[in-house]
Amino acid sequence: MSKHAGPTEAGSGGKLGHRSMDHRTYNSEIKHAAKKKRRQQDKVRVEAQCEQTNNKKENTGAK
């Protein structure tokens, strides 16, 4: 019979969890950065759409 030396490596995790990941930051920091980046990208898209809509209105003479 063999004795277990300790927990298996798979799923043992650690303070930050998911030790197989390349980064060593907390999930909340990653989520915050991703949310900020999405908001910035969305702002650019919305401004472009508004500009296109305004240009169409000017070209068609709609008010």
N, C-alpha and C. Protein backbone atom coordinates (compact mmCIF):
# COMPACT_ATOMS: atom_id res chain seq x y z
N MET A 1 0.82 -1.19 0.00
CA MET A 1 0.00 0.00 0.00
C MET A 1 0.87 1.25 0.00
N SER A 2 0.42 2.23 -0.73
CA SER A 2 1.17 3.48 -0.75
C SER A 2 0.38 4.56 -0.01
N LYS A 3 1.12 5.46 0.57
CA LYS A 3 0.50 6.57 1.28
C LYS A 3 0.53 7.80 0.38
N HIS A 4 -0.50 8.61 0.48
CA HIS A 4 -0.54 9.84 -0.29
C HIS A 4 0.37 10.87 0.37
N ALA A 5 1.23 11.47 -0.41
CA ALA A 5 2.13 12.48 0.11
C ALA A 5 1.41 13.80 0.33
N GLY A 6 0.33 14.02 -0.34
CA GLY A 6 -0.41 15.27 -0.22
C GLY A 6 -1.46 15.35 -1.31
N PRO A 7 -2.05 16.50 -1.48
CA PRO A 7 -3.07 16.64 -2.53
C PRO A 7 -2.44 16.52 -3.92
N THR A 8 -3.24 16.11 -4.85
CA THR A 8 -2.76 16.02 -6.22
C THR A 8 -2.52 17.41 -6.77
N GLU A 9 -1.71 17.52 -7.79
CA GLU A 9 -1.39 18.82 -8.37
C GLU A 9 -2.59 19.42 -9.10
N ALA A 10 -3.37 18.58 -9.72
CA ALA A 10 -4.51 19.08 -10.49
C ALA A 10 -5.53 19.70 -9.56
N GLY A 11 -5.83 20.97 -9.78
CA GLY A 11 -6.85 21.65 -9.02
C GLY A 11 -6.42 22.08 -7.64
N SER A 12 -5.14 21.99 -7.33
CA SER A 12 -4.71 22.40 -6.00
C SER A 12 -4.76 23.91 -5.85
N GLY A 13 -4.67 24.62 -6.96
CA GLY A 13 -4.85 26.07 -6.95
C GLY A 13 -3.80 26.78 -6.13
N GLY A 14 -4.20 27.76 -5.41
CA GLY A 14 -3.30 28.55 -4.60
C GLY A 14 -3.99 29.81 -4.19
N LYS A 15 -3.24 30.77 -3.71
CA LYS A 15 -3.84 32.02 -3.25
C LYS A 15 -4.66 32.68 -4.35
N LEU A 16 -4.12 32.71 -5.55
CA LEU A 16 -4.83 33.36 -6.66
C LEU A 16 -5.67 32.38 -7.46
N GLY A 17 -5.51 31.10 -7.23
CA GLY A 17 -6.29 30.11 -7.97
C GLY A 17 -5.84 29.99 -9.41
N HIS A 18 -6.17 28.94 -10.05
CA HIS A 18 -5.86 28.70 -11.46
C HIS A 18 -4.38 28.97 -11.74
N ARG A 19 -3.54 28.27 -11.08
CA ARG A 19 -2.11 28.50 -11.22
C ARG A 19 -1.56 28.17 -12.60
N SER A 20 -2.31 27.48 -13.41
CA SER A 20 -1.83 27.18 -14.75
C SER A 20 -1.95 28.38 -15.69
N MET A 21 -2.62 29.44 -15.23
CA MET A 21 -2.77 30.64 -16.04
C MET A 21 -1.43 31.37 -16.12
N ASP A 22 -1.22 32.09 -17.20
CA ASP A 22 0.03 32.83 -17.38
C ASP A 22 0.10 34.06 -16.48
N HIS A 23 -1.02 34.68 -16.20
CA HIS A 23 -1.01 35.91 -15.42
C HIS A 23 -1.12 35.61 -13.93
N ARG A 24 -0.76 36.58 -13.14
CA ARG A 24 -0.82 36.43 -11.68
C ARG A 24 -1.59 37.59 -11.07
N THR A 25 -2.65 38.01 -11.73
CA THR A 25 -3.47 39.10 -11.20
C THR A 25 -4.81 38.54 -10.77
N TYR A 26 -5.49 39.30 -9.96
CA TYR A 26 -6.79 38.89 -9.48
C TYR A 26 -7.85 39.05 -10.57
N ASN A 27 -8.86 38.21 -10.53
CA ASN A 27 -9.94 38.27 -11.52
C ASN A 27 -10.61 39.62 -11.56
N SER A 28 -10.81 40.24 -10.39
CA SER A 28 -11.49 41.54 -10.35
C SER A 28 -10.72 42.59 -11.14
N GLU A 29 -9.39 42.53 -11.09
CA GLU A 29 -8.57 43.48 -11.85
C GLU A 29 -8.72 43.25 -13.35
N ILE A 30 -8.76 42.00 -13.75
CA ILE A 30 -8.90 41.66 -15.17
C ILE A 30 -10.28 42.08 -15.66
N LYS A 31 -11.31 41.81 -14.87
CA LYS A 31 -12.68 42.18 -15.25
C LYS A 31 -12.81 43.69 -15.40
N HIS A 32 -12.22 44.43 -14.46
CA HIS A 32 -12.32 45.90 -14.50
C HIS A 32 -11.65 46.44 -15.76
N ALA A 33 -10.47 45.93 -16.08
CA ALA A 33 -9.75 46.38 -17.27
C ALA A 33 -10.53 46.05 -18.54
N ALA A 34 -11.10 44.85 -18.59
CA ALA A 34 -11.87 44.43 -19.78
C ALA A 34 -13.11 45.30 -19.93
N LYS A 35 -13.77 45.59 -18.82
CA LYS A 35 -14.99 46.42 -18.86
C LYS A 35 -14.66 47.82 -19.36
N LYS A 36 -13.56 48.37 -18.87
CA LYS A 36 -13.14 49.71 -19.29
C LYS A 36 -12.83 49.74 -20.79
N LYS A 37 -12.13 48.71 -21.26
CA LYS A 37 -11.78 48.65 -22.68
C LYS A 37 -13.03 48.52 -23.54
N ARG A 38 -14.00 47.68 -23.12
CA ARG A 38 -15.26 47.54 -23.87
C ARG A 38 -16.00 48.85 -23.94
N ARG A 39 -16.05 49.59 -22.83
CA ARG A 39 -16.76 50.87 -22.80
C ARG A 39 -16.12 51.86 -23.78
N GLN A 40 -14.79 51.89 -23.81
CA GLN A 40 -14.09 52.79 -24.72
C GLN A 40 -14.37 52.42 -26.17
N GLN A 41 -14.36 51.12 -26.48
CA GLN A 41 -14.63 50.68 -27.85
C GLN A 41 -16.08 50.98 -28.23
N ASP A 42 -17.01 50.77 -27.30
CA ASP A 42 -18.41 51.05 -27.58
C ASP A 42 -18.64 52.53 -27.83
N LYS A 43 -17.94 53.38 -27.09
CA LYS A 43 -18.10 54.82 -27.26
C LYS A 43 -17.70 55.23 -28.67
N VAL A 44 -16.60 54.69 -29.16
CA VAL A 44 -16.15 55.00 -30.52
C VAL A 44 -17.18 54.53 -31.54
N ARG A 45 -17.72 53.34 -31.35
CA ARG A 45 -18.71 52.79 -32.29
C ARG A 45 -19.98 53.62 -32.30
N VAL A 46 -20.45 54.00 -31.13
CA VAL A 46 -21.69 54.78 -31.05
C VAL A 46 -21.50 56.15 -31.70
N GLU A 47 -20.36 56.78 -31.43
CA GLU A 47 -20.10 58.08 -32.05
C GLU A 47 -20.05 57.97 -33.57
N ALA A 48 -19.47 56.90 -34.08
CA ALA A 48 -19.41 56.70 -35.54
C ALA A 48 -20.81 56.50 -36.11
N GLN A 49 -21.63 55.73 -35.41
CA GLN A 49 -23.00 55.50 -35.88
C GLN A 49 -23.81 56.79 -35.86
N CYS A 50 -23.64 57.59 -34.82
CA CYS A 50 -24.35 58.87 -34.75
C CYS A 50 -23.93 59.80 -35.88
N GLU A 51 -22.64 59.79 -36.16
CA GLU A 51 -22.13 60.64 -37.24
C GLU A 51 -22.70 60.19 -38.59
N GLN A 52 -22.76 58.88 -38.81
CA GLN A 52 -23.33 58.36 -40.06
C GLN A 52 -24.80 58.74 -40.18
N THR A 53 -25.53 58.62 -39.09
CA THR A 53 -26.95 58.95 -39.10
C THR A 53 -27.15 60.43 -39.41
N ASN A 54 -26.33 61.28 -38.79
CA ASN A 54 -26.44 62.72 -39.05
C ASN A 54 -26.11 63.05 -40.49
N ASN A 55 -25.10 62.38 -41.05
CA ASN A 55 -24.74 62.62 -42.44
C ASN A 55 -25.85 62.19 -43.38
N LYS A 56 -26.51 61.07 -43.10
CA LYS A 56 -27.62 60.61 -43.95
C LYS A 56 -28.77 61.61 -43.90
N LYS A 57 -29.05 62.13 -42.70
CA LYS A 57 -30.14 63.09 -42.56
C LYS A 57 -29.83 64.37 -43.35
N GLU A 58 -28.59 64.81 -43.31
CA GLU A 58 -28.21 66.02 -44.03
C GLU A 58 -28.29 65.81 -45.53
N ASN A 59 -27.91 64.62 -45.99
CA ASN A 59 -27.92 64.33 -47.43
C ASN A 59 -29.32 64.16 -47.97
N THR A 60 -30.25 63.64 -47.15
CA THR A 60 -31.61 63.42 -47.63
C THR A 60 -32.51 64.62 -47.37
N GLY A 61 -32.03 65.54 -46.54
CA GLY A 61 -32.84 66.73 -46.24
C GLY A 61 -33.85 66.47 -45.14
N ALA A 62 -33.75 65.35 -44.45
CA ALA A 62 -34.68 65.06 -43.36
C ALA A 62 -34.34 65.93 -42.17
N LYS A 63 -35.37 66.18 -41.36
CA LYS A 63 -35.15 67.01 -40.16
C LYS A 63 -35.44 66.23 -38.93
